[in-house]
Amino acid sequence: MVHFSRIAYGGWRDCCLLSNGRVELVATASVGPRLIRFGLVGRENEFKEVEADLGQTGGAAWRLYGGHRLWHAPEHPWRTYVPDNEPVAADPLPDGVRLTQPVEAETGIQKEVVIRLPPAEARAEIRHRLYNRSLWPLDLAPWALSVMAPGGVAILPHAPRGDWPAQLLPTHTMTLWAFTDMGDPRWTWGARYVFLKQDAAQPRPQKIGLQATPGWLGYWRAGHLFVKTFDHRPGAAYPDLGSSVEIFTNASFLELETLGPTVRVEAGGCVEHIEQWHLFDEVPPIPDDDAADAVIGPRLRSSTRPTADPS
């Protein structure tokens, strides 16, 4: 059974607590939509919480807050950073909650996040929706970003490997930003995976995008493994030179980001992007390709997806 209640959290008076006995999730209703906490019941938050932003509401400045948020790509200095500092509608569901933001006056876009927990399992389903409430079509991609607690390592899988000359054509792309330094010691470039450590002693930001055809990315920290799975659509036009996943880090946090394809959303239309969250406990460190193969694959195969419900 999934329990729902309205609580105060992090200085905000109005938040939604969901729990199924294994994991608990807190979403803010005072601002957002933001999923500010996700973790095993009674254990530490897997997400970063930005102390200076907790409990803040209103105003014209965009705040990081921490936790998980919904954006629309491509990134733009004013369109992307429309503040989410106002209350959202929070409608309880039998197994979760629906969070609906007011229409962004600057963009004509309305954000909605539907959260569901399956009974007694360390998983969650997060449906991200962007509605076009303007009078003309918009080209955009849904973009789901999780700000992870510091001190862990992100793991991104490459497309399945092959041998030359049996496989002559390229399999996928990797996107670099102007500030990406491939020689930075936080990177580990494996044959089958890319690893990126979050390190408080390394202030320079790092970021890459990947055409992640396996449809997942993960974050290991202090014996916990958080994995987001999603549907990568072969042949679809993804933003940022074909990126369906991106990772970003600085001295304070690391972000796990998934993106949907870029689509034209007609006036009155909607686009949806779904993530499945999996949380595993007592997971050994994952320093290299062989460890990732041994640790992550078997756990994902044993963790079935929640039942899809379009409501």
C-alpha atoms as a PDB file:
ATOM      1  CA  MET A   1       0.000   0.000   0.000  1.00  0.00           C
ATOM      2  CA  VAL A   2       1.176   3.514  -0.809  1.00  0.00           C
ATOM      3  CA  HIS A   3       0.639   6.129   1.893  1.00  0.00           C
ATOM      4  CA  PHE A   4       0.131   9.810   1.045  1.00  0.00           C
ATOM      5  CA  SER A   5       0.188  12.756   3.435  1.00  0.00           C
ATOM      6  CA  ARG A   6       0.732  16.515   3.400  1.00  0.00           C
ATOM      7  CA  ILE A   7       3.689  17.547   5.554  1.00  0.00           C
ATOM      8  CA  ALA A   8       6.085  20.394   6.243  1.00  0.00           C
ATOM      9  CA  TYR A   9       9.607  19.710   4.995  1.00  0.00           C
ATOM     10  CA  GLY A  10      12.819  21.695   4.590  1.00  0.00           C
ATOM     11  CA  GLY A  11      11.191  24.927   5.706  1.00  0.00           C
ATOM     12  CA  TRP A  12       8.239  24.612   3.286  1.00  0.00           C
ATOM     13  CA  ARG A  13       4.814  24.351   4.862  1.00  0.00           C
ATOM     14  CA  ASP A  14       3.201  22.336   2.084  1.00  0.00           C
ATOM     15  CA  CYS A  15       4.878  19.178   0.757  1.00  0.00           C
ATOM     16  CA  CYS A  16       3.646  15.731  -0.266  1.00  0.00           C
ATOM     17  CA  LEU A  17       5.057  12.609   1.356  1.00  0.00           C
ATOM     18  CA  LEU A  18       4.710   9.272  -0.433  1.00  0.00           C
ATOM     19  CA  SER A  19       5.841   5.992   1.118  1.00  0.00           C
ATOM     20  CA  ASN A  20       5.360   2.329   0.275  1.00  0.00           C
ATOM     21  CA  GLY A  21       7.302   0.956   3.244  1.00  0.00           C
ATOM     22  CA  ARG A  22      10.523   0.552   1.248  1.00  0.00           C
ATOM     23  CA  VAL A  23      11.135   4.025  -0.192  1.00  0.00           C
ATOM     24  CA  GLU A  24       9.806   7.472   0.582  1.00  0.00           C
ATOM     25  CA  LEU A  25       9.556  10.487  -1.672  1.00  0.00           C
ATOM     26  CA  VAL A  26       8.872  14.113  -0.774  1.00  0.00           C
ATOM     27  CA  ALA A  27       7.617  16.554  -3.412  1.00  0.00           C
ATOM     28  CA  THR A  28       7.161  20.254  -2.762  1.00  0.00           C
ATOM     29  CA  ALA A  29       3.773  21.859  -3.303  1.00  0.00           C
ATOM     30  CA  SER A  30       4.856  25.291  -2.045  1.00  0.00           C
ATOM     31  CA  VAL A  31       7.131  25.581  -5.108  1.00  0.00           C
ATOM     32  CA  GLY A  32       7.919  23.399  -8.057  1.00  0.00           C
ATOM     33  CA  PRO A  33       7.227  20.904  -9.229  1.00  0.00           C
ATOM     34  CA  ARG A  34      10.271  19.614  -7.321  1.00  0.00           C
ATOM     35  CA  LEU A  35      10.896  16.137  -5.945  1.00  0.00           C
ATOM     36  CA  ILE A  36      13.173  17.187  -3.116  1.00  0.00           C
ATOM     37  CA  ARG A  37      13.722  13.815  -1.412  1.00  0.00           C
ATOM     38  CA  PHE A  38      13.968  10.178  -2.520  1.00  0.00           C
ATOM     39  CA  GLY A  39      15.470   7.453  -0.383  1.00  0.00           C
ATOM     40  CA  LEU A  40      14.965   4.274   1.570  1.00  0.00           C
ATOM     41  CA  VAL A  41      12.543   4.765   4.456  1.00  0.00           C
ATOM     42  CA  GLY A  42      14.322   6.388   7.381  1.00  0.00           C
ATOM     43  CA  ARG A  43      17.626   6.630   5.508  1.00  0.00           C
ATOM     44  CA  GLU A  44      19.481   9.562   4.006  1.00  0.00           C
ATOM     45  CA  ASN A  45      18.321  11.455   0.946  1.00  0.00           C
ATOM     46  CA  GLU A  46      19.808  10.296  -2.356  1.00  0.00           C
ATOM     47  CA  PHE A  47      19.350  13.850  -3.663  1.00  0.00           C
ATOM     48  CA  LYS A  48      21.231  17.034  -2.892  1.00  0.00           C
ATOM     49  CA  GLU A  49      19.361  19.661  -0.874  1.00  0.00           C
ATOM     50  CA  VAL A  50      20.649  23.233  -1.270  1.00  0.00           C
ATOM     51  CA  GLU A  51      20.539  24.651   2.246  1.00  0.00           C
ATOM     52  CA  ALA A  52      20.369  28.291   1.159  1.00  0.00           C
ATOM     53  CA  ASP A  53      17.280  27.609  -0.975  1.00  0.00           C
ATOM     54  CA  LEU A  54      15.271  25.410   1.392  1.00  0.00           C
ATOM     55  CA  GLY A  55      11.978  26.947   2.448  1.00  0.00           C
ATOM     56  CA  GLN A  56      12.268  29.820  -0.024  1.00  0.00           C
ATOM     57  CA  THR A  57       9.252  30.831  -2.099  1.00  0.00           C
ATOM     58  CA  GLY A  58       8.375  33.566  -4.593  1.00  0.00           C
ATOM     59  CA  GLY A  59      10.632  36.058  -6.286  1.00  0.00           C
ATOM     60  CA  ALA A  60      12.072  36.341  -9.781  1.00  0.00           C
ATOM     61  CA  ALA A  61      15.405  34.554  -9.193  1.00  0.00           C
ATOM     62  CA  TRP A  62      15.788  30.968 -10.358  1.00  0.00           C
ATOM     63  CA  ARG A  63      16.833  28.694  -7.462  1.00  0.00           C
ATOM     64  CA  LEU A  64      18.515  25.318  -7.677  1.00  0.00           C
ATOM     65  CA  TYR A  65      16.729  23.948  -4.554  1.00  0.00           C
ATOM     66  CA  GLY A  66      18.174  20.487  -5.258  1.00  0.00           C
ATOM     67  CA  GLY A  67      16.195  17.296  -5.786  1.00  0.00           C
ATOM     68  CA  HIS A  68      14.623  16.460  -9.147  1.00  0.00           C
ATOM     69  CA  ARG A  69      13.122  18.922 -11.631  1.00  0.00           C
ATOM     70  CA  LEU A  70      11.610  19.116 -15.127  1.00  0.00           C
ATOM     71  CA  TRP A  71      13.009  21.413 -17.818  1.00  0.00           C
ATOM     72  CA  HIS A  72      12.590  21.770 -21.568  1.00  0.00           C
ATOM     73  CA  ALA A  73      15.546  21.627 -23.966  1.00  0.00           C
ATOM     74  CA  PRO A  74      17.481  23.109 -25.655  1.00  0.00           C
ATOM     75  CA  GLU A  75      19.012  25.110 -22.821  1.00  0.00           C
ATOM     76  CA  HIS A  76      18.531  28.858 -23.165  1.00  0.00           C
ATOM     77  CA  PRO A  77      19.504  31.649 -20.741  1.00  0.00           C
ATOM     78  CA  TRP A  78      15.956  32.911 -20.246  1.00  0.00           C
ATOM     79  CA  ARG A  79      13.597  30.182 -21.462  1.00  0.00           C
ATOM     80  CA  THR A  80      15.149  27.342 -19.490  1.00  0.00           C
ATOM     81  CA  TYR A  81      15.610  29.276 -16.260  1.00  0.00           C
ATOM     82  CA  VAL A  82      12.031  30.423 -15.749  1.00  0.00           C
ATOM     83  CA  PRO A  83      11.684  30.340 -11.921  1.00  0.00           C
ATOM     84  CA  ASP A  84       9.564  27.597 -10.349  1.00  0.00           C
ATOM     85  CA  ASN A  85       9.065  29.514  -7.102  1.00  0.00           C
ATOM     86  CA  GLU A  86       5.256  29.481  -6.931  1.00  0.00           C
ATOM     87  CA  PRO A  87       2.845  26.867  -5.508  1.00  0.00           C
ATOM     88  CA  VAL A  88       1.724  23.920  -7.625  1.00  0.00           C
ATOM     89  CA  ALA A  89      -1.500  21.911  -7.598  1.00  0.00           C
ATOM     90  CA  ALA A  90      -0.972  18.552  -5.867  1.00  0.00           C
ATOM     91  CA  ASP A  91      -3.679  15.982  -6.626  1.00  0.00           C
ATOM     92  CA  PRO A  92      -3.440  12.661  -4.748  1.00  0.00           C
ATOM     93  CA  LEU A  93      -3.700   9.422  -6.735  1.00  0.00           C
ATOM     94  CA  PRO A  94      -4.316   5.909  -5.349  1.00  0.00           C
ATOM     95  CA  ASP A  95      -0.588   5.153  -5.605  1.00  0.00           C
ATOM     96  CA  GLY A  96       0.989   8.586  -5.913  1.00  0.00           C
ATOM     97  CA  VAL A  97       0.414  12.242  -6.694  1.00  0.00           C
ATOM     98  CA  ARG A  98       0.071  14.556  -9.692  1.00  0.00           C
ATOM     99  CA  LEU A  99       1.890  17.922  -9.511  1.00  0.00           C
ATOM    100  CA  THR A 100       0.810  20.637 -11.941  1.00  0.00           C
ATOM    101  CA  GLN A 101       2.566  23.972 -12.312  1.00  0.00           C
ATOM    102  CA  PRO A 102       0.819  27.147 -13.490  1.00  0.00           C
ATOM    103  CA  VAL A 103       1.480  28.022 -17.122  1.00  0.00           C
ATOM    104  CA  GLU A 104       4.820  29.773 -17.588  1.00  0.00           C
ATOM    105  CA  ALA A 105       3.880  33.258 -18.772  1.00  0.00           C
ATOM    106  CA  GLU A 106       7.207  33.662 -20.552  1.00  0.00           C
ATOM    107  CA  THR A 107       6.989  30.442 -22.596  1.00  0.00           C
ATOM    108  CA  GLY A 108       3.348  29.296 -22.678  1.00  0.00           C
ATOM    109  CA  ILE A 109       4.495  25.905 -21.317  1.00  0.00           C
ATOM    110  CA  GLN A 110       2.854  24.123 -18.399  1.00  0.00           C
ATOM    111  CA  LYS A 111       4.822  21.453 -16.517  1.00  0.00           C
ATOM    112  CA  GLU A 112       3.254  18.420 -14.886  1.00  0.00           C
ATOM    113  CA  VAL A 113       4.894  15.544 -13.003  1.00  0.00           C
ATOM    114  CA  VAL A 114       3.024  12.359 -12.085  1.00  0.00           C
ATOM    115  CA  ILE A 115       4.671  10.222  -9.384  1.00  0.00           C
ATOM    116  CA  ARG A 116       3.722   6.629  -8.637  1.00  0.00           C
ATOM    117  CA  LEU A 117       5.170   4.065  -6.225  1.00  0.00           C
ATOM    118  CA  PRO A 118       4.591   0.321  -6.606  1.00  0.00           C
ATOM    119  CA  PRO A 119       3.703  -1.551  -3.395  1.00  0.00           C
ATOM    120  CA  ALA A 120       6.623  -2.537  -1.150  1.00  0.00           C
ATOM    121  CA  GLU A 121       9.401  -2.120  -3.749  1.00  0.00           C
ATOM    122  CA  ALA A 122      12.332   0.297  -3.909  1.00  0.00           C
ATOM    123  CA  ARG A 123      11.158   1.862  -7.166  1.00  0.00           C
ATOM    124  CA  ALA A 124       9.199   4.796  -8.524  1.00  0.00           C
ATOM    125  CA  GLU A 125       7.699   5.855 -11.828  1.00  0.00           C
ATOM    126  CA  ILE A 126       8.026   9.520 -12.800  1.00  0.00           C
ATOM    127  CA  ARG A 127       6.017  10.844 -15.756  1.00  0.00           C
ATOM    128  CA  HIS A 128       7.137  14.262 -17.006  1.00  0.00           C
ATOM    129  CA  ARG A 129       4.686  16.211 -19.170  1.00  0.00           C
ATOM    130  CA  LEU A 130       5.047  19.490 -21.032  1.00  0.00           C
ATOM    131  CA  TYR A 131       1.816  21.091 -22.268  1.00  0.00           C
ATOM    132  CA  ASN A 132       1.851  23.770 -24.940  1.00  0.00           C
ATOM    133  CA  ARG A 133      -0.664  26.355 -23.709  1.00  0.00           C
ATOM    134  CA  SER A 134       0.415  28.972 -26.252  1.00  0.00           C
ATOM    135  CA  LEU A 135      -1.246  29.798 -29.585  1.00  0.00           C
ATOM    136  CA  TRP A 136       1.490  28.405 -31.845  1.00  0.00           C
ATOM    137  CA  PRO A 137       3.576  25.220 -32.182  1.00  0.00           C
ATOM    138  CA  LEU A 138       6.724  24.822 -30.068  1.00  0.00           C
ATOM    139  CA  ASP A 139       9.812  22.710 -30.794  1.00  0.00           C
ATOM    140  CA  LEU A 140      11.260  21.297 -27.590  1.00  0.00           C
ATOM    141  CA  ALA A 141      12.400  18.212 -25.744  1.00  0.00           C
ATOM    142  CA  PRO A 142      11.452  17.149 -22.183  1.00  0.00           C
ATOM    143  CA  TRP A 143      14.466  17.162 -19.882  1.00  0.00           C
ATOM    144  CA  ALA A 144      14.489  15.430 -16.459  1.00  0.00           C
ATOM    145  CA  LEU A 145      17.314  16.366 -14.072  1.00  0.00           C
ATOM    146  CA  SER A 146      18.190  14.727 -10.742  1.00  0.00           C
ATOM    147  CA  VAL A 147      20.622  16.605  -8.488  1.00  0.00           C
ATOM    148  CA  MET A 148      22.457  13.848  -6.624  1.00  0.00           C
ATOM    149  CA  ALA A 149      24.021  14.094  -3.172  1.00  0.00           C
ATOM    150  CA  PRO A 150      27.796  14.677  -3.280  1.00  0.00           C
ATOM    151  CA  GLY A 151      30.517  12.074  -2.983  1.00  0.00           C
ATOM    152  CA  GLY A 152      29.381   9.449  -5.501  1.00  0.00           C
ATOM    153  CA  VAL A 153      30.169   8.337  -9.023  1.00  0.00           C
ATOM    154  CA  ALA A 154      27.941   8.391 -12.113  1.00  0.00           C
ATOM    155  CA  ILE A 155      27.916   5.430 -14.513  1.00  0.00           C
ATOM    156  CA  LEU A 156      26.857   5.733 -18.175  1.00  0.00           C
ATOM    157  CA  PRO A 157      26.744   2.719 -20.508  1.00  0.00           C
ATOM    158  CA  HIS A 158      27.975   2.849 -24.077  1.00  0.00           C
ATOM    159  CA  ALA A 159      26.041   1.178 -26.870  1.00  0.00           C
ATOM    160  CA  PRO A 160      26.841  -2.555 -27.198  1.00  0.00           C
ATOM    161  CA  ARG A 161      30.428  -3.074 -28.323  1.00  0.00           C
ATOM    162  CA  GLY A 162      31.634  -4.970 -31.405  1.00  0.00           C
ATOM    163  CA  ASP A 163      34.785  -5.954 -33.270  1.00  0.00           C
ATOM    164  CA  TRP A 164      36.492  -4.616 -36.371  1.00  0.00           C
ATOM    165  CA  PRO A 165      36.079  -5.391 -39.244  1.00  0.00           C
ATOM    166  CA  ALA A 166      32.792  -7.189 -38.552  1.00  0.00           C
ATOM    167  CA  GLN A 167      31.275  -3.903 -37.344  1.00  0.00           C
ATOM    168  CA  LEU A 168      32.436  -1.036 -39.557  1.00  0.00           C
ATOM    169  CA  LEU A 169      29.797   1.625 -38.910  1.00  0.00           C
ATOM    170  CA  PRO A 170      29.651   3.901 -35.822  1.00  0.00           C
ATOM    171  CA  THR A 171      27.229   2.975 -33.065  1.00  0.00           C
ATOM    172  CA  HIS A 172      26.568   6.238 -31.149  1.00  0.00           C
ATOM    173  CA  THR A 173      27.807   9.731 -30.415  1.00  0.00           C
ATOM    174  CA  MET A 174      29.244  11.546 -27.396  1.00  0.00           C
ATOM    175  CA  THR A 175      28.765  15.306 -26.946  1.00  0.00           C
ATOM    176  CA  LEU A 176      31.340  17.597 -25.329  1.00  0.00           C
ATOM    177  CA  TRP A 177      30.822  21.122 -23.991  1.00  0.00           C
ATOM    178  CA  ALA A 178      33.337  23.963 -24.306  1.00  0.00           C
ATOM    179  CA  PHE A 179      34.340  23.437 -20.651  1.00  0.00           C
ATOM    180  CA  THR A 180      34.615  19.638 -20.851  1.00  0.00           C
ATOM    181  CA  ASP A 181      38.144  18.467 -20.008  1.00  0.00           C
ATOM    182  CA  MET A 182      38.613  14.819 -20.945  1.00  0.00           C
ATOM    183  CA  GLY A 183      41.884  14.797 -18.984  1.00  0.00           C
ATOM    184  CA  ASP A 184      40.171  15.749 -15.711  1.00  0.00           C
ATOM    185  CA  PRO A 185      40.906  13.053 -13.084  1.00  0.00           C
ATOM    186  CA  ARG A 186      37.219  12.702 -12.229  1.00  0.00           C
ATOM    187  CA  TRP A 187      36.626  10.917 -15.542  1.00  0.00           C
ATOM    188  CA  THR A 188      37.220   7.208 -16.127  1.00  0.00           C
ATOM    189  CA  TRP A 189      36.849   6.273 -19.796  1.00  0.00           C
ATOM    190  CA  GLY A 190      36.071   2.564 -19.879  1.00  0.00           C
ATOM    191  CA  ALA A 191      35.517   0.425 -22.947  1.00  0.00           C
ATOM    192  CA  ARG A 192      31.863  -0.196 -22.072  1.00  0.00           C
ATOM    193  CA  TYR A 193      31.058   2.577 -19.575  1.00  0.00           C
ATOM    194  CA  VAL A 194      31.905   6.176 -18.714  1.00  0.00           C
ATOM    195  CA  PHE A 195      32.408   7.034 -15.028  1.00  0.00           C
ATOM    196  CA  LEU A 196      32.363  10.528 -13.475  1.00  0.00           C
ATOM    197  CA  LYS A 197      33.177  11.159  -9.810  1.00  0.00           C
ATOM    198  CA  GLN A 198      31.741  14.004  -7.790  1.00  0.00           C
ATOM    199  CA  ASP A 199      34.615  15.607  -5.874  1.00  0.00           C
ATOM    200  CA  ALA A 200      34.261  18.608  -3.546  1.00  0.00           C
ATOM    201  CA  ALA A 201      37.939  19.417  -4.094  1.00  0.00           C
ATOM    202  CA  GLN A 202      37.434  19.872  -7.855  1.00  0.00           C
ATOM    203  CA  PRO A 203      35.458  23.093  -8.522  1.00  0.00           C
ATOM    204  CA  ARG A 204      35.708  23.141 -12.321  1.00  0.00           C
ATOM    205  CA  PRO A 205      32.445  21.917 -13.914  1.00  0.00           C
ATOM    206  CA  GLN A 206      32.404  18.915 -16.241  1.00  0.00           C
ATOM    207  CA  LYS A 207      29.714  17.650 -18.595  1.00  0.00           C
ATOM    208  CA  ILE A 208      29.125  15.182 -21.407  1.00  0.00           C
ATOM    209  CA  GLY A 209      26.112  13.936 -23.339  1.00  0.00           C
ATOM    210  CA  LEU A 210      25.710  10.429 -24.703  1.00  0.00           C
ATOM    211  CA  GLN A 211      23.442   8.596 -27.097  1.00  0.00           C
ATOM    212  CA  ALA A 212      22.600   6.037 -24.411  1.00  0.00           C
ATOM    213  CA  THR A 213      20.938   3.286 -26.404  1.00  0.00           C
ATOM    214  CA  PRO A 214      20.856   0.888 -23.387  1.00  0.00           C
ATOM    215  CA  GLY A 215      18.344   3.296 -21.807  1.00  0.00           C
ATOM    216  CA  TRP A 216      19.745   3.842 -18.324  1.00  0.00           C
ATOM    217  CA  LEU A 217      22.269   5.733 -16.201  1.00  0.00           C
ATOM    218  CA  GLY A 218      23.205   5.333 -12.557  1.00  0.00           C
ATOM    219  CA  TYR A 219      24.853   6.838  -9.496  1.00  0.00           C
ATOM    220  CA  TRP A 220      26.703   4.880  -6.808  1.00  0.00           C
ATOM    221  CA  ARG A 221      27.239   6.444  -3.397  1.00  0.00           C
ATOM    222  CA  ALA A 222      27.966   4.998   0.046  1.00  0.00           C
ATOM    223  CA  GLY A 223      26.679   1.513  -0.784  1.00  0.00           C
ATOM    224  CA  HIS A 224      23.537   2.694  -2.576  1.00  0.00           C
ATOM    225  CA  LEU A 225      22.942   2.463  -6.322  1.00  0.00           C
ATOM    226  CA  PHE A 226      20.338   4.770  -7.881  1.00  0.00           C
ATOM    227  CA  VAL A 227      19.440   3.929 -11.492  1.00  0.00           C
ATOM    228  CA  LYS A 228      17.118   5.766 -13.872  1.00  0.00           C
ATOM    229  CA  THR A 229      15.779   3.781 -16.814  1.00  0.00           C
ATOM    230  CA  PHE A 230      13.967   5.250 -19.815  1.00  0.00           C
ATOM    231  CA  ASP A 231      13.143   4.457 -23.429  1.00  0.00           C
ATOM    232  CA  HIS A 232      15.845   5.533 -25.881  1.00  0.00           C
ATOM    233  CA  ARG A 233      14.257   5.842 -29.337  1.00  0.00           C
ATOM    234  CA  PRO A 234      16.650   4.815 -32.116  1.00  0.00           C
ATOM    235  CA  GLY A 235      16.665   7.251 -35.008  1.00  0.00           C
ATOM    236  CA  ALA A 236      14.890  10.020 -33.090  1.00  0.00           C
ATOM    237  CA  ALA A 237      16.286  13.567 -33.111  1.00  0.00           C
ATOM    238  CA  TYR A 238      17.657  14.243 -29.628  1.00  0.00           C
ATOM    239  CA  PRO A 239      18.900  17.671 -28.500  1.00  0.00           C
ATOM    240  CA  ASP A 240      22.536  18.589 -27.824  1.00  0.00           C
ATOM    241  CA  LEU A 241      23.912  16.737 -30.870  1.00  0.00           C
ATOM    242  CA  GLY A 242      21.971  13.552 -30.191  1.00  0.00           C
ATOM    243  CA  SER A 243      22.140  13.225 -26.388  1.00  0.00           C
ATOM    244  CA  SER A 244      19.510  11.131 -24.596  1.00  0.00           C
ATOM    245  CA  VAL A 245      21.497  11.304 -21.327  1.00  0.00           C
ATOM    246  CA  GLU A 246      23.805  13.930 -19.851  1.00  0.00           C
ATOM    247  CA  ILE A 247      25.856  14.180 -16.670  1.00  0.00           C
ATOM    248  CA  PHE A 248      27.133  17.377 -15.081  1.00  0.00           C
ATOM    249  CA  THR A 249      29.228  17.908 -11.962  1.00  0.00           C
ATOM    250  CA  ASN A 250      30.890  20.669  -9.984  1.00  0.00           C
ATOM    251  CA  ALA A 251      32.234  20.931  -6.431  1.00  0.00           C
ATOM    252  CA  SER A 252      28.753  20.737  -4.864  1.00  0.00           C
ATOM    253  CA  PHE A 253      26.748  18.036  -6.663  1.00  0.00           C
ATOM    254  CA  LEU A 254      26.327  15.812  -9.711  1.00  0.00           C
ATOM    255  CA  GLU A 255      23.319  15.793 -12.031  1.00  0.00           C
ATOM    256  CA  LEU A 256      21.878  12.737 -13.795  1.00  0.00           C
ATOM    257  CA  GLU A 257      19.869  13.971 -16.777  1.00  0.00           C
ATOM    258  CA  THR A 258      17.682  12.162 -19.294  1.00  0.00           C
ATOM    259  CA  LEU A 259      16.085  13.756 -22.344  1.00  0.00           C
ATOM    260  CA  GLY A 260      13.297  12.902 -24.711  1.00  0.00           C
ATOM    261  CA  PRO A 261      13.535  13.508 -28.454  1.00  0.00           C
ATOM    262  CA  THR A 262      12.986  16.994 -29.840  1.00  0.00           C
ATOM    263  CA  VAL A 263       9.417  17.172 -31.126  1.00  0.00           C
ATOM    264  CA  ARG A 264       6.972  19.790 -32.388  1.00  0.00           C
ATOM    265  CA  VAL A 265       4.193  20.223 -29.840  1.00  0.00           C
ATOM    266  CA  GLU A 266       1.143  21.807 -31.413  1.00  0.00           C
ATOM    267  CA  ALA A 267      -0.900  24.419 -29.552  1.00  0.00           C
ATOM    268  CA  GLY A 268      -2.905  22.547 -26.916  1.00  0.00           C
ATOM    269  CA  GLY A 269      -0.697  19.462 -27.262  1.00  0.00           C
ATOM    270  CA  CYS A 270       1.515  17.600 -24.808  1.00  0.00           C
ATOM    271  CA  VAL A 271       4.756  15.602 -24.812  1.00  0.00           C
ATOM    272  CA  GLU A 272       5.605  13.003 -22.148  1.00  0.00           C
ATOM    273  CA  HIS A 273       8.896  11.570 -20.911  1.00  0.00           C
ATOM    274  CA  ILE A 274       8.940   8.659 -18.429  1.00  0.00           C
ATOM    275  CA  GLU A 275      11.677   7.635 -16.011  1.00  0.00           C
ATOM    276  CA  GLN A 276      11.686   4.545 -13.815  1.00  0.00           C
ATOM    277  CA  TRP A 277      13.741   4.945 -10.645  1.00  0.00           C
ATOM    278  CA  HIS A 278      15.409   1.938  -9.000  1.00  0.00           C
ATOM    279  CA  LEU A 279      17.228   2.108  -5.645  1.00  0.00           C
ATOM    280  CA  PHE A 280      19.482  -0.710  -4.445  1.00  0.00           C
ATOM    281  CA  ASP A 281      21.109  -1.096  -1.022  1.00  0.00           C
ATOM    282  CA  GLU A 282      24.333  -2.853   0.051  1.00  0.00           C
ATOM    283  CA  VAL A 283      25.980  -2.413  -3.345  1.00  0.00           C
ATOM    284  CA  PRO A 284      29.779  -2.745  -3.523  1.00  0.00           C
ATOM    285  CA  PRO A 285      31.859  -0.005  -5.177  1.00  0.00           C
ATOM    286  CA  ILE A 286      31.750   0.130  -8.987  1.00  0.00           C
ATOM    287  CA  PRO A 287      35.213   1.307 -10.106  1.00  0.00           C
ATOM    288  CA  ASP A 288      35.409  -0.152 -13.614  1.00  0.00           C
ATOM    289  CA  ASP A 289      33.695  -1.922 -16.516  1.00  0.00           C
ATOM    290  CA  ASP A 290      33.854  -5.418 -15.040  1.00  0.00           C
ATOM    291  CA  ALA A 291      32.361  -4.260 -11.749  1.00  0.00           C
ATOM    292  CA  ALA A 292      29.564  -2.439 -13.595  1.00  0.00           C
ATOM    293  CA  ASP A 293      28.760  -5.574 -15.604  1.00  0.00           C
ATOM    294  CA  ALA A 294      28.700  -7.717 -12.459  1.00  0.00           C
ATOM    295  CA  VAL A 295      26.766  -5.321 -10.221  1.00  0.00           C
ATOM    296  CA  ILE A 296      24.292  -3.322 -12.289  1.00  0.00           C
ATOM    297  CA  GLY A 297      22.955  -5.701 -14.946  1.00  0.00           C
ATOM    298  CA  PRO A 298      21.715  -8.441 -12.579  1.00  0.00           C
ATOM    299  CA  ARG A 299      20.027  -5.927 -10.307  1.00  0.00           C
ATOM    300  CA  LEU A 300      18.219  -4.172 -13.141  1.00  0.00           C
ATOM    301  CA  ARG A 301      17.046  -7.477 -14.588  1.00  0.00           C
ATOM    302  CA  SER A 302      15.534  -8.420 -11.221  1.00  0.00           C
ATOM    303  CA  SER A 303      13.794  -5.065 -10.785  1.00  0.00           C
ATOM    304  CA  THR A 304      10.639  -5.094 -12.898  1.00  0.00           C
ATOM    305  CA  ARG A 305       8.995  -1.911 -14.083  1.00  0.00           C
ATOM    306  CA  PRO A 306       5.916  -0.434 -12.434  1.00  0.00           C
ATOM    307  CA  THR A 307       2.648  -0.873 -14.264  1.00  0.00           C
ATOM    308  CA  ALA A 308       2.218   1.936 -16.783  1.00  0.00           C
ATOM    309  CA  ASP A 309      -0.825   4.111 -16.204  1.00  0.00           C
ATOM    310  CA  PRO A 310      -1.414   7.103 -18.475  1.00  0.00           C
ATOM    311  CA  SER A 311      -3.559   9.091 -16.018  1.00  0.00           C
END
